[in-house]
C-alpha atoms as a PDB file:
ATOM      1  CA  MET A   1      66.502   8.761  85.920  1.00  0.00           C
ATOM      2  CA  LEU A   2      67.355  12.468  85.560  1.00  0.00           C
ATOM      3  CA  MET A   3      65.379  14.306  82.942  1.00  0.00           C
ATOM      4  CA  GLU A   4      68.634  15.314  81.191  1.00  0.00           C
ATOM      5  CA  SER A   5      69.532  11.606  80.748  1.00  0.00           C
ATOM      6  CA  ARG A   6      66.087  10.776  79.533  1.00  0.00           C
ATOM      7  CA  LEU A   7      66.316  13.611  76.838  1.00  0.00           C
ATOM      8  CA  GLY A   8      69.964  13.178  76.105  1.00  0.00           C
ATOM      9  CA  ILE A   9      70.771  16.820  77.019  1.00  0.00           C
ATOM     10  CA  ASP A  10      73.353  18.368  79.276  1.00  0.00           C
ATOM     11  CA  ILE A  11      71.296  20.996  81.129  1.00  0.00           C
ATOM     12  CA  PRO A  12      67.530  20.866  82.086  1.00  0.00           C
ATOM     13  CA  ILE A  13      66.515  23.821  79.784  1.00  0.00           C
ATOM     14  CA  ILE A  14      63.906  23.352  77.086  1.00  0.00           C
ATOM     15  CA  GLN A  15      63.270  26.061  74.606  1.00  0.00           C
ATOM     16  CA  SER A  16      59.566  26.621  74.180  1.00  0.00           C
ATOM     17  CA  PRO A  17      58.331  25.982  70.645  1.00  0.00           C
ATOM     18  CA  MET A  18      56.997  29.300  69.172  1.00  0.00           C
ATOM     19  CA  ALA A  19      55.165  28.922  65.895  1.00  0.00           C
ATOM     20  CA  GLY A  20      55.597  31.977  63.608  1.00  0.00           C
ATOM     21  CA  THR A  21      58.645  33.352  65.376  1.00  0.00           C
ATOM     22  CA  GLN A  22      61.324  30.716  64.917  1.00  0.00           C
ATOM     23  CA  ASN A  23      62.512  27.771  62.849  1.00  0.00           C
ATOM     24  CA  TRP A  24      65.128  25.019  63.248  1.00  0.00           C
ATOM     25  CA  GLU A  25      67.873  27.657  63.618  1.00  0.00           C
ATOM     26  CA  LEU A  26      66.758  28.780  67.057  1.00  0.00           C
ATOM     27  CA  ALA A  27      66.339  25.076  68.124  1.00  0.00           C
ATOM     28  CA  LEU A  28      69.785  24.311  66.881  1.00  0.00           C
ATOM     29  CA  ALA A  29      71.419  27.091  68.867  1.00  0.00           C
ATOM     30  CA  VAL A  30      69.735  26.000  72.105  1.00  0.00           C
ATOM     31  CA  SER A  31      70.628  22.285  71.660  1.00  0.00           C
ATOM     32  CA  GLU A  32      74.210  23.145  70.830  1.00  0.00           C
ATOM     33  CA  ALA A  33      74.422  24.945  74.178  1.00  0.00           C
ATOM     34  CA  GLY A  34      73.327  21.814  75.941  1.00  0.00           C
ATOM     35  CA  GLY A  35      69.544  22.386  76.269  1.00  0.00           C
ATOM     36  CA  LEU A  36      66.708  20.968  74.225  1.00  0.00           C
ATOM     37  CA  GLY A  37      65.806  23.031  71.165  1.00  0.00           C
ATOM     38  CA  SER A  38      62.172  22.819  69.904  1.00  0.00           C
ATOM     39  CA  ILE A  39      60.828  23.075  66.401  1.00  0.00           C
ATOM     40  CA  PRO A  40      57.111  24.138  66.157  1.00  0.00           C
ATOM     41  CA  CYS A  41      55.338  22.142  63.469  1.00  0.00           C
ATOM     42  CA  GLY A  42      51.678  22.947  64.117  1.00  0.00           C
ATOM     43  CA  MET A  43      51.495  25.515  61.268  1.00  0.00           C
ATOM     44  CA  LEU A  44      53.706  23.675  58.774  1.00  0.00           C
ATOM     45  CA  ASP A  45      52.752  21.468  55.875  1.00  0.00           C
ATOM     46  CA  PRO A  46      54.344  18.093  55.454  1.00  0.00           C
ATOM     47  CA  GLU A  47      57.041  19.377  53.097  1.00  0.00           C
ATOM     48  CA  GLN A  48      57.984  22.175  55.440  1.00  0.00           C
ATOM     49  CA  VAL A  49      58.287  19.794  58.365  1.00  0.00           C
ATOM     50  CA  LYS A  50      60.679  17.625  56.375  1.00  0.00           C
ATOM     51  CA  ILE A  51      62.771  20.713  55.596  1.00  0.00           C
ATOM     52  CA  GLU A  52      62.936  21.728  59.215  1.00  0.00           C
ATOM     53  CA  ILE A  53      63.990  18.242  60.362  1.00  0.00           C
ATOM     54  CA  GLU A  54      66.595  17.659  57.653  1.00  0.00           C
ATOM     55  CA  SER A  55      67.985  21.214  58.092  1.00  0.00           C
ATOM     56  CA  TYR A  56      68.471  20.577  61.709  1.00  0.00           C
ATOM     57  CA  MET A  57      69.949  17.119  61.259  1.00  0.00           C
ATOM     58  CA  THR A  58      72.417  18.457  58.644  1.00  0.00           C
ATOM     59  CA  HIS A  59      73.897  20.799  61.288  1.00  0.00           C
ATOM     60  CA  SER A  60      73.677  18.727  64.567  1.00  0.00           C
ATOM     61  CA  SER A  61      73.429  15.282  65.957  1.00  0.00           C
ATOM     62  CA  LYS A  62      72.021  16.692  69.219  1.00  0.00           C
ATOM     63  CA  PRO A  63      68.471  15.779  70.385  1.00  0.00           C
ATOM     64  CA  TYR A  64      65.668  17.994  69.216  1.00  0.00           C
ATOM     65  CA  ASN A  65      61.925  18.379  69.955  1.00  0.00           C
ATOM     66  CA  LEU A  66      59.087  18.460  67.424  1.00  0.00           C
ATOM     67  CA  ASN A  67      56.077  20.215  68.669  1.00  0.00           C
ATOM     68  CA  TYR A  68      52.510  19.787  67.536  1.00  0.00           C
ATOM     69  CA  PHE A  69      48.940  20.734  68.496  1.00  0.00           C
ATOM     70  CA  CYS A  70      46.513  17.856  69.098  1.00  0.00           C
ATOM     71  CA  HIS A  71      43.233  19.704  69.249  1.00  0.00           C
ATOM     72  CA  LYS A  72      39.918  18.547  67.808  1.00  0.00           C
ATOM     73  CA  VAL A  73      38.945  20.766  64.767  1.00  0.00           C
ATOM     74  CA  PRO A  74      35.205  21.692  65.054  1.00  0.00           C
ATOM     75  CA  ALA A  75      33.154  22.158  61.886  1.00  0.00           C
ATOM     76  CA  ALA A  76      33.229  25.754  60.598  1.00  0.00           C
ATOM     77  CA  ASP A  77      30.324  27.724  61.981  1.00  0.00           C
ATOM     78  CA  ASN A  78      29.441  29.926  59.048  1.00  0.00           C
ATOM     79  CA  ILE A  79      26.891  31.925  61.006  1.00  0.00           C
ATOM     80  CA  ARG A  80      29.518  32.759  63.740  1.00  0.00           C
ATOM     81  CA  MET A  81      32.135  33.515  61.127  1.00  0.00           C
ATOM     82  CA  ALA A  82      29.716  35.911  59.354  1.00  0.00           C
ATOM     83  CA  GLY A  83      29.022  37.636  62.684  1.00  0.00           C
ATOM     84  CA  TRP A  84      32.814  37.962  63.326  1.00  0.00           C
ATOM     85  CA  GLU A  85      33.424  39.585  59.936  1.00  0.00           C
ATOM     86  CA  LYS A  86      30.556  41.906  60.589  1.00  0.00           C
ATOM     87  CA  ARG A  87      32.123  42.939  63.920  1.00  0.00           C
ATOM     88  CA  LEU A  88      35.448  43.553  62.113  1.00  0.00           C
ATOM     89  CA  ASP A  89      33.839  45.490  59.232  1.00  0.00           C
ATOM     90  CA  ILE A  90      34.739  48.818  60.695  1.00  0.00           C
ATOM     91  CA  TYR A  91      38.344  47.852  60.458  1.00  0.00           C
ATOM     92  CA  TYR A  92      37.983  46.465  56.913  1.00  0.00           C
ATOM     93  CA  ARG A  93      36.606  49.831  55.841  1.00  0.00           C
ATOM     94  CA  GLU A  94      39.207  51.875  57.647  1.00  0.00           C
ATOM     95  CA  LEU A  95      42.078  49.895  56.178  1.00  0.00           C
ATOM     96  CA  ASN A  96      40.373  49.514  52.820  1.00  0.00           C
ATOM     97  CA  VAL A  97      40.629  45.688  52.667  1.00  0.00           C
ATOM     98  CA  LYS A  98      38.050  42.941  52.028  1.00  0.00           C
ATOM     99  CA  PRO A  99      37.245  39.921  54.282  1.00  0.00           C
ATOM    100  CA  PRO A 100      39.054  36.728  53.149  1.00  0.00           C
ATOM    101  CA  SER A 101      37.447  34.516  50.532  1.00  0.00           C
ATOM    102  CA  GLY A 102      38.805  31.256  51.919  1.00  0.00           C
ATOM    103  CA  GLU A 103      40.077  29.602  54.993  1.00  0.00           C
ATOM    104  CA  GLY A 104      43.760  30.173  54.461  1.00  0.00           C
ATOM    105  CA  LEU A 105      46.340  28.471  56.613  1.00  0.00           C
ATOM    106  CA  LEU A 106      44.706  26.698  59.681  1.00  0.00           C
ATOM    107  CA  ARG A 107      46.463  25.140  62.661  1.00  0.00           C
ATOM    108  CA  LEU A 108      45.954  21.321  62.105  1.00  0.00           C
ATOM    109  CA  PRO A 109      46.309  18.586  64.783  1.00  0.00           C
ATOM    110  CA  PHE A 110      48.821  15.833  64.775  1.00  0.00           C
ATOM    111  CA  ASP A 111      47.490  12.705  63.026  1.00  0.00           C
ATOM    112  CA  SER A 112      48.535   9.398  61.511  1.00  0.00           C
ATOM    113  CA  ARG A 113      49.648  11.030  58.213  1.00  0.00           C
ATOM    114  CA  MET A 114      52.086  13.226  60.058  1.00  0.00           C
ATOM    115  CA  ALA A 115      53.285  10.196  62.069  1.00  0.00           C
ATOM    116  CA  ASP A 116      53.956   8.472  58.741  1.00  0.00           C
ATOM    117  CA  LEU A 117      56.034  11.437  57.576  1.00  0.00           C
ATOM    118  CA  ILE A 118      58.226  11.782  60.622  1.00  0.00           C
ATOM    119  CA  GLU A 119      58.606   8.056  61.486  1.00  0.00           C
ATOM    120  CA  PRO A 120      61.645   7.569  59.133  1.00  0.00           C
ATOM    121  CA  TYR A 121      63.526  10.319  61.097  1.00  0.00           C
ATOM    122  CA  ALA A 122      62.733   8.771  64.515  1.00  0.00           C
ATOM    123  CA  PRO A 123      62.553  12.173  66.245  1.00  0.00           C
ATOM    124  CA  PRO A 124      63.920  11.758  69.831  1.00  0.00           C
ATOM    125  CA  VAL A 125      61.402  14.031  71.485  1.00  0.00           C
ATOM    126  CA  LEU A 126      57.854  15.028  70.681  1.00  0.00           C
ATOM    127  CA  SER A 127      55.764  17.605  72.559  1.00  0.00           C
ATOM    128  CA  PHE A 128      52.108  18.378  72.348  1.00  0.00           C
ATOM    129  CA  HIS A 129      49.787  21.240  73.260  1.00  0.00           C
ATOM    130  CA  PHE A 130      46.034  20.713  74.086  1.00  0.00           C
ATOM    131  CA  GLY A 131      46.385  17.182  75.441  1.00  0.00           C
ATOM    132  CA  LEU A 132      47.830  14.067  73.563  1.00  0.00           C
ATOM    133  CA  PRO A 133      47.162  12.411  70.271  1.00  0.00           C
ATOM    134  CA  ALA A 134      45.141   9.099  70.176  1.00  0.00           C
ATOM    135  CA  ARG A 135      46.522   6.306  72.339  1.00  0.00           C
ATOM    136  CA  ASP A 136      47.565   4.266  69.301  1.00  0.00           C
ATOM    137  CA  LEU A 137      49.700   7.185  67.983  1.00  0.00           C
ATOM    138  CA  VAL A 138      51.260   7.663  71.455  1.00  0.00           C
ATOM    139  CA  ARG A 139      52.241   3.920  71.481  1.00  0.00           C
ATOM    140  CA  ARG A 140      53.484   4.175  67.910  1.00  0.00           C
ATOM    141  CA  MET A 141      55.779   7.171  68.750  1.00  0.00           C
ATOM    142  CA  LYS A 142      57.080   5.439  71.823  1.00  0.00           C
ATOM    143  CA  SER A 143      58.014   2.447  69.677  1.00  0.00           C
ATOM    144  CA  TRP A 144      60.471   4.687  67.832  1.00  0.00           C
ATOM    145  CA  GLY A 145      62.057   5.509  71.200  1.00  0.00           C
ATOM    146  CA  ALA A 146      60.550   9.009  71.333  1.00  0.00           C
ATOM    147  CA  VAL A 147      60.080  10.733  74.632  1.00  0.00           C
ATOM    148  CA  ILE A 148      56.555  12.301  74.896  1.00  0.00           C
ATOM    149  CA  LEU A 149      55.932  15.659  76.527  1.00  0.00           C
ATOM    150  CA  SER A 150      52.733  17.678  76.902  1.00  0.00           C
ATOM    151  CA  SER A 151      51.493  20.713  78.709  1.00  0.00           C
ATOM    152  CA  ALA A 152      49.247  20.795  81.734  1.00  0.00           C
ATOM    153  CA  THR A 153      47.622  24.000  83.015  1.00  0.00           C
ATOM    154  CA  THR A 154      45.789  22.347  85.970  1.00  0.00           C
ATOM    155  CA  VAL A 155      46.354  19.532  88.305  1.00  0.00           C
ATOM    156  CA  GLU A 156      43.616  17.486  86.543  1.00  0.00           C
ATOM    157  CA  GLU A 157      45.328  17.842  83.251  1.00  0.00           C
ATOM    158  CA  GLY A 158      48.596  16.713  84.816  1.00  0.00           C
ATOM    159  CA  ASP A 159      46.962  13.594  86.098  1.00  0.00           C
ATOM    160  CA  TRP A 160      45.352  12.922  82.746  1.00  0.00           C
ATOM    161  CA  LEU A 161      48.630  13.369  80.901  1.00  0.00           C
ATOM    162  CA  GLU A 162      50.485  10.923  83.163  1.00  0.00           C
ATOM    163  CA  GLU A 163      47.659   8.373  82.906  1.00  0.00           C
ATOM    164  CA  ASN A 164      47.583   8.623  79.069  1.00  0.00           C
ATOM    165  CA  GLY A 165      51.244   8.194  78.350  1.00  0.00           C
ATOM    166  CA  ALA A 166      53.155  11.499  78.793  1.00  0.00           C
ATOM    167  CA  ASP A 167      56.753  10.790  79.844  1.00  0.00           C
ATOM    168  CA  ILE A 168      57.240  14.331  81.104  1.00  0.00           C
ATOM    169  CA  VAL A 169      54.586  16.898  81.982  1.00  0.00           C
ATOM    170  CA  ILE A 170      55.138  20.603  81.359  1.00  0.00           C
ATOM    171  CA  ALA A 171      53.536  22.752  84.033  1.00  0.00           C
ATOM    172  CA  GLN A 172      52.412  25.777  82.128  1.00  0.00           C
ATOM    173  CA  GLY A 173      51.709  28.599  84.540  1.00  0.00           C
ATOM    174  CA  TYR A 174      49.380  31.513  83.974  1.00  0.00           C
ATOM    175  CA  GLU A 175      52.375  33.747  83.294  1.00  0.00           C
ATOM    176  CA  ALA A 176      53.403  31.964  80.137  1.00  0.00           C
ATOM    177  CA  GLY A 177      53.103  33.533  76.726  1.00  0.00           C
ATOM    178  CA  GLY A 178      51.285  32.163  73.774  1.00  0.00           C
ATOM    179  CA  HIS A 179      48.467  29.646  73.846  1.00  0.00           C
ATOM    180  CA  ARG A 180      47.293  28.140  76.998  1.00  0.00           C
ATOM    181  CA  GLY A 181      47.515  24.399  76.825  1.00  0.00           C
ATOM    182  CA  MET A 182      44.058  23.941  78.314  1.00  0.00           C
ATOM    183  CA  PHE A 183      42.309  20.803  77.167  1.00  0.00           C
ATOM    184  CA  LEU A 184      40.030  19.543  79.989  1.00  0.00           C
ATOM    185  CA  THR A 185      38.437  22.932  80.587  1.00  0.00           C
ATOM    186  CA  ALA A 186      37.729  26.227  78.887  1.00  0.00           C
ATOM    187  CA  ASP A 187      37.318  28.070  82.237  1.00  0.00           C
ATOM    188  CA  ILE A 188      40.155  30.695  82.627  1.00  0.00           C
ATOM    189  CA  SER A 189      39.417  30.898  86.366  1.00  0.00           C
ATOM    190  CA  THR A 190      41.021  27.418  86.723  1.00  0.00           C
ATOM    191  CA  GLN A 191      44.410  28.633  85.542  1.00  0.00           C
ATOM    192  CA  MET A 192      47.116  29.049  88.135  1.00  0.00           C
ATOM    193  CA  GLY A 193      50.525  30.522  88.459  1.00  0.00           C
ATOM    194  CA  THR A 194      53.716  28.551  87.709  1.00  0.00           C
ATOM    195  CA  LEU A 195      54.811  28.275  91.313  1.00  0.00           C
ATOM    196  CA  ALA A 196      51.445  26.895  92.587  1.00  0.00           C
ATOM    197  CA  LEU A 197      51.074  24.484  89.671  1.00  0.00           C
ATOM    198  CA  VAL A 198      54.636  23.145  89.876  1.00  0.00           C
ATOM    199  CA  SER A 199      54.323  22.697  93.647  1.00  0.00           C
ATOM    200  CA  GLN A 200      51.189  20.626  93.236  1.00  0.00           C
ATOM    201  CA  LEU A 201      52.244  18.522  90.278  1.00  0.00           C
ATOM    202  CA  THR A 202      55.684  17.639  91.647  1.00  0.00           C
ATOM    203  CA  ASN A 203      54.010  16.375  94.847  1.00  0.00           C
ATOM    204  CA  ARG A 204      51.496  14.380  92.886  1.00  0.00           C
ATOM    205  CA  LEU A 205      52.974  12.870  89.656  1.00  0.00           C
ATOM    206  CA  LYS A 206      55.576  10.217  89.236  1.00  0.00           C
ATOM    207  CA  VAL A 207      56.767  11.514  85.885  1.00  0.00           C
ATOM    208  CA  PRO A 208      59.190  14.544  85.717  1.00  0.00           C
ATOM    209  CA  VAL A 209      57.582  18.034  85.891  1.00  0.00           C
ATOM    210  CA  VAL A 210      59.018  20.911  83.719  1.00  0.00           C
ATOM    211  CA  ALA A 211      58.161  24.336  84.952  1.00  0.00           C
ATOM    212  CA  ALA A 212      57.111  26.874  82.248  1.00  0.00           C
ATOM    213  CA  GLY A 213      55.905  30.508  82.648  1.00  0.00           C
ATOM    214  CA  GLY A 214      57.692  33.658  83.952  1.00  0.00           C
ATOM    215  CA  ILE A 215      61.116  32.098  84.005  1.00  0.00           C
ATOM    216  CA  SER A 216      63.791  34.454  82.685  1.00  0.00           C
ATOM    217  CA  SER A 217      66.916  34.088  84.847  1.00  0.00           C
ATOM    218  CA  SER A 218      69.137  31.649  86.668  1.00  0.00           C
ATOM    219  CA  LYS A 219      67.467  32.639  89.943  1.00  0.00           C
ATOM    220  CA  ASP A 220      64.067  31.756  88.526  1.00  0.00           C
ATOM    221  CA  ILE A 221      65.408  28.391  87.373  1.00  0.00           C
ATOM    222  CA  LYS A 222      67.009  27.650  90.756  1.00  0.00           C
ATOM    223  CA  ALA A 223      63.715  28.468  92.445  1.00  0.00           C
ATOM    224  CA  MET A 224      61.853  25.983  90.295  1.00  0.00           C
ATOM    225  CA  LEU A 225      64.362  23.290  90.727  1.00  0.00           C
ATOM    226  CA  HIS A 226      64.365  23.800  94.561  1.00  0.00           C
ATOM    227  CA  LEU A 227      60.473  23.484  94.274  1.00  0.00           C
ATOM    228  CA  GLY A 228      60.957  20.006  92.727  1.00  0.00           C
ATOM    229  CA  ALA A 229      60.794  20.717  89.063  1.00  0.00           C
ATOM    230  CA  SER A 230      63.153  18.464  86.933  1.00  0.00           C
ATOM    231  CA  GLY A 231      63.780  21.260  84.440  1.00  0.00           C
ATOM    232  CA  ILE A 232      62.290  24.467  83.007  1.00  0.00           C
ATOM    233  CA  GLN A 233      60.903  25.631  79.667  1.00  0.00           C
ATOM    234  CA  SER A 234      61.401  29.192  78.466  1.00  0.00           C
ATOM    235  CA  GLY A 235      60.111  30.881  75.410  1.00  0.00           C
ATOM    236  CA  THR A 236      59.684  34.636  75.706  1.00  0.00           C
ATOM    237  CA  SER A 237      63.280  35.209  76.686  1.00  0.00           C
ATOM    238  CA  TYR A 238      64.371  33.804  73.315  1.00  0.00           C
ATOM    239  CA  LEU A 239      62.175  36.060  71.193  1.00  0.00           C
ATOM    240  CA  LEU A 240      64.893  38.728  70.685  1.00  0.00           C
ATOM    241  CA  CYS A 241      67.705  36.292  70.013  1.00  0.00           C
ATOM    242  CA  THR A 242      69.572  36.574  66.756  1.00  0.00           C
ATOM    243  CA  GLU A 243      68.278  33.177  65.494  1.00  0.00           C
ATOM    244  CA  ALA A 244      64.644  34.086  66.174  1.00  0.00           C
ATOM    245  CA  LYS A 245      62.398  35.096  63.258  1.00  0.00           C
ATOM    246  CA  THR A 246      60.442  37.560  65.372  1.00  0.00           C
ATOM    247  CA  GLY A 247      59.245  40.425  63.250  1.00  0.00           C
ATOM    248  CA  SER A 248      60.427  44.003  63.837  1.00  0.00           C
ATOM    249  CA  LEU A 249      57.048  45.189  65.093  1.00  0.00           C
ATOM    250  CA  HIS A 250      56.927  42.245  67.626  1.00  0.00           C
ATOM    251  CA  ARG A 251      60.583  42.977  68.675  1.00  0.00           C
ATOM    252  CA  THR A 252      59.714  46.686  69.287  1.00  0.00           C
ATOM    253  CA  ALA A 253      56.772  45.662  71.475  1.00  0.00           C
ATOM    254  CA  LEU A 254      58.831  43.271  73.496  1.00  0.00           C
ATOM    255  CA  LYS A 255      61.395  45.994  74.280  1.00  0.00           C
ATOM    256  CA  ASP A 256      58.689  48.269  75.637  1.00  0.00           C
ATOM    257  CA  GLN A 257      58.390  47.184  79.239  1.00  0.00           C
ATOM    258  CA  ALA A 258      55.527  49.568  79.864  1.00  0.00           C
ATOM    259  CA  ARG A 259      53.219  47.521  77.565  1.00  0.00           C
ATOM    260  CA  LYS A 260      51.320  44.869  79.465  1.00  0.00           C
ATOM    261  CA  THR A 261      50.121  41.391  78.418  1.00  0.00           C
ATOM    262  CA  ALA A 262      46.716  39.818  78.830  1.00  0.00           C
ATOM    263  CA  ILE A 263      45.011  36.449  78.005  1.00  0.00           C
ATOM    264  CA  THR A 264      43.009  36.892  74.753  1.00  0.00           C
ATOM    265  CA  ASN A 265      41.064  34.672  72.394  1.00  0.00           C
ATOM    266  CA  ILE A 266      40.798  37.258  69.659  1.00  0.00           C
ATOM    267  CA  PHE A 267      43.691  36.046  67.429  1.00  0.00           C
ATOM    268  CA  SER A 268      42.889  32.299  67.248  1.00  0.00           C
ATOM    269  CA  GLY A 269      39.725  31.486  69.252  1.00  0.00           C
ATOM    270  CA  ARG A 270      41.640  29.981  72.208  1.00  0.00           C
ATOM    271  CA  PRO A 271      43.054  31.709  75.189  1.00  0.00           C
ATOM    272  CA  ALA A 272      46.580  32.805  74.695  1.00  0.00           C
ATOM    273  CA  ARG A 273      48.758  35.538  76.246  1.00  0.00           C
ATOM    274  CA  ALA A 274      49.978  38.457  74.123  1.00  0.00           C
ATOM    275  CA  ILE A 275      51.126  42.036  74.559  1.00  0.00           C
ATOM    276  CA  ARG A 276      47.977  44.175  74.454  1.00  0.00           C
ATOM    277  CA  ASN A 277      47.403  46.051  71.258  1.00  0.00           C
ATOM    278  CA  ARG A 278      44.664  48.109  69.498  1.00  0.00           C
ATOM    279  CA  ILE A 279      42.322  45.255  68.687  1.00  0.00           C
ATOM    280  CA  MET A 280      42.534  43.737  72.135  1.00  0.00           C
ATOM    281  CA  GLU A 281      41.826  47.079  73.767  1.00  0.00           C
ATOM    282  CA  GLU A 282      38.930  47.934  71.487  1.00  0.00           C
ATOM    283  CA  LEU A 283      37.125  44.547  71.373  1.00  0.00           C
ATOM    284  CA  GLY A 284      38.103  43.366  74.894  1.00  0.00           C
ATOM    285  CA  ASP A 285      40.725  40.778  75.524  1.00  0.00           C
ATOM    286  CA  ILE A 286      38.086  37.952  75.653  1.00  0.00           C
ATOM    287  CA  CYS A 287      35.629  38.464  72.877  1.00  0.00           C
ATOM    288  CA  GLU A 288      32.614  36.148  73.082  1.00  0.00           C
ATOM    289  CA  ILE A 289      31.789  36.378  69.373  1.00  0.00           C
ATOM    290  CA  ALA A 290      35.261  35.263  68.170  1.00  0.00           C
ATOM    291  CA  PRO A 291      34.926  31.917  66.359  1.00  0.00           C
ATOM    292  CA  GLU A 292      36.309  28.722  67.808  1.00  0.00           C
ATOM    293  CA  PHE A 293      39.958  27.745  67.439  1.00  0.00           C
ATOM    294  CA  PRO A 294      41.447  27.721  64.817  1.00  0.00           C
ATOM    295  CA  TYR A 295      38.875  29.789  62.754  1.00  0.00           C
ATOM    296  CA  SER A 296      39.135  33.194  64.502  1.00  0.00           C
ATOM    297  CA  SER A 297      42.380  34.090  62.791  1.00  0.00           C
ATOM    298  CA  ILE A 298      40.934  33.782  59.219  1.00  0.00           C
ATOM    299  CA  ALA A 299      39.001  37.061  59.250  1.00  0.00           C
ATOM    300  CA  LEU A 300      41.938  38.913  60.921  1.00  0.00           C
ATOM    301  CA  ALA A 301      44.536  37.959  58.322  1.00  0.00           C
ATOM    302  CA  PRO A 302      43.932  40.755  55.856  1.00  0.00           C
ATOM    303  CA  LEU A 303      43.785  43.382  58.610  1.00  0.00           C
ATOM    304  CA  ARG A 304      47.066  42.162  60.033  1.00  0.00           C
ATOM    305  CA  GLN A 305      48.747  42.177  56.645  1.00  0.00           C
ATOM    306  CA  LYS A 306      47.621  45.705  55.683  1.00  0.00           C
ATOM    307  CA  ALA A 307      48.329  47.181  59.164  1.00  0.00           C
ATOM    308  CA  GLU A 308      51.871  45.645  59.246  1.00  0.00           C
ATOM    309  CA  SER A 309      52.578  47.045  55.844  1.00  0.00           C
ATOM    310  CA  CYS A 310      51.867  50.445  57.465  1.00  0.00           C
ATOM    311  CA  SER A 311      54.149  49.678  60.327  1.00  0.00           C
ATOM    312  CA  SER A 312      51.272  49.088  62.805  1.00  0.00           C
ATOM    313  CA  SER A 313      51.039  46.103  65.114  1.00  0.00           C
ATOM    314  CA  GLY A 314      47.413  46.835  66.016  1.00  0.00           C
ATOM    315  CA  PHE A 315      46.138  43.557  64.594  1.00  0.00           C
ATOM    316  CA  THR A 316      49.226  41.350  65.187  1.00  0.00           C
ATOM    317  CA  PRO A 317      49.354  38.590  67.835  1.00  0.00           C
ATOM    318  CA  LEU A 318      52.355  39.823  69.881  1.00  0.00           C
ATOM    319  CA  TRP A 319      52.809  36.620  71.866  1.00  0.00           C
ATOM    320  CA  ALA A 320      54.767  37.105  75.083  1.00  0.00           C
ATOM    321  CA  GLY A 321      54.783  36.039  78.749  1.00  0.00           C
ATOM    322  CA  GLN A 322      54.334  38.382  81.708  1.00  0.00           C
ATOM    323  CA  ASN A 323      58.151  38.407  82.334  1.00  0.00           C
ATOM    324  CA  ARG A 324      60.050  39.977  79.435  1.00  0.00           C
ATOM    325  CA  SER A 325      63.112  40.952  81.593  1.00  0.00           C
ATOM    326  CA  GLY A 326      65.116  38.102  80.271  1.00  0.00           C
ATOM    327  CA  CYS A 327      64.807  39.160  76.540  1.00  0.00           C
ATOM    328  CA  LYS A 328      68.253  39.898  75.092  1.00  0.00           C
ATOM    329  CA  GLU A 329      69.549  40.515  71.532  1.00  0.00           C
ATOM    330  CA  ILE A 330      72.163  37.857  71.674  1.00  0.00           C
ATOM    331  CA  SER A 331      72.665  34.350  70.278  1.00  0.00           C
ATOM    332  CA  ALA A 332      70.267  31.726  71.748  1.00  0.00           C
ATOM    333  CA  SER A 333      73.326  29.693  72.606  1.00  0.00           C
ATOM    334  CA  GLN A 334      74.775  32.519  74.779  1.00  0.00           C
ATOM    335  CA  LEU A 335      71.363  33.058  76.365  1.00  0.00           C
ATOM    336  CA  THR A 336      70.945  29.449  77.213  1.00  0.00           C
ATOM    337  CA  GLU A 337      74.408  29.396  78.888  1.00  0.00           C
ATOM    338  CA  GLU A 338      73.628  32.558  80.849  1.00  0.00           C
ATOM    339  CA  LEU A 339      70.308  31.104  82.035  1.00  0.00           C
ATOM    340  CA  TRP A 340      72.111  28.022  83.415  1.00  0.00           C
ATOM    341  CA  ASN A 341      75.141  29.947  84.848  1.00  0.00           C
ATOM    342  CA  GLY A 342      74.911  29.881  88.573  1.00  0.00           C
ATOM    343  CA  CYS A 343      72.412  27.060  88.749  1.00  0.00           C
END
């Protein structure tokens, strides 16, 4: 069965879920153009998730994807958190702000309570980052008729996902923006480019493989389909679209092709690709003292807020992939059509 038939879409393009820079409106535009729009839910509370689903369903009967993280949340390491705040103290003093007094908004993993919330909506597609939820939850979601997707960054992760219930595996290449989907290893040296990963996974897995990372044109899509991918997932190219909620500082950085990206753990505690900015340059892209995911972001919150109020993106996670050539300030529907045109 073609991936399009399985997902109920017309063209094999999935819009990558991008927490913090989009809501249901971007997903709607992509789905209406024949692709699969994705709604990021990893940073939303239950009421916000309901609003996203109901807003989308009010405007369209097309399939949509709900995306969640499924990481294990470690206990807070107060000693490490204190050390992180001490390292950031020079910035607190410079910007005249204080470290946060609480944990604030943390990225939480998918669990049975979230499953209870979304079950009445029977979402057609669910995708996950950092592995898969517990086996009983995977079985439960499939009982609704949901198609399950998850990201693999290595061949071993692709094998694991197929064995544990993923219906489609997203091959997330090293070029991709945002968080690496790594879950069987923390070793960055294991990460490979999209082409190499797609080539190996398509020759190995029985389930469809979706290529993600560095894809910004119809030529890129054709190349991945020729390699054996059943479809592609694109995120960075949508960040300048009219339906995206990308902030003005982030948009400015995206347009500056001279600015490079790098993998960093500073903003969340997990490796993720972002446009390099002041804090990455001064602390190093990978900072060993940064607390584990999702705690690293807590101490940075007041710095980001104050800096942004002064029109500075020096402490902002400017998520982006290596290839920003496809970013356009047009409707996401038009961009989706242009990406598929000629394929």
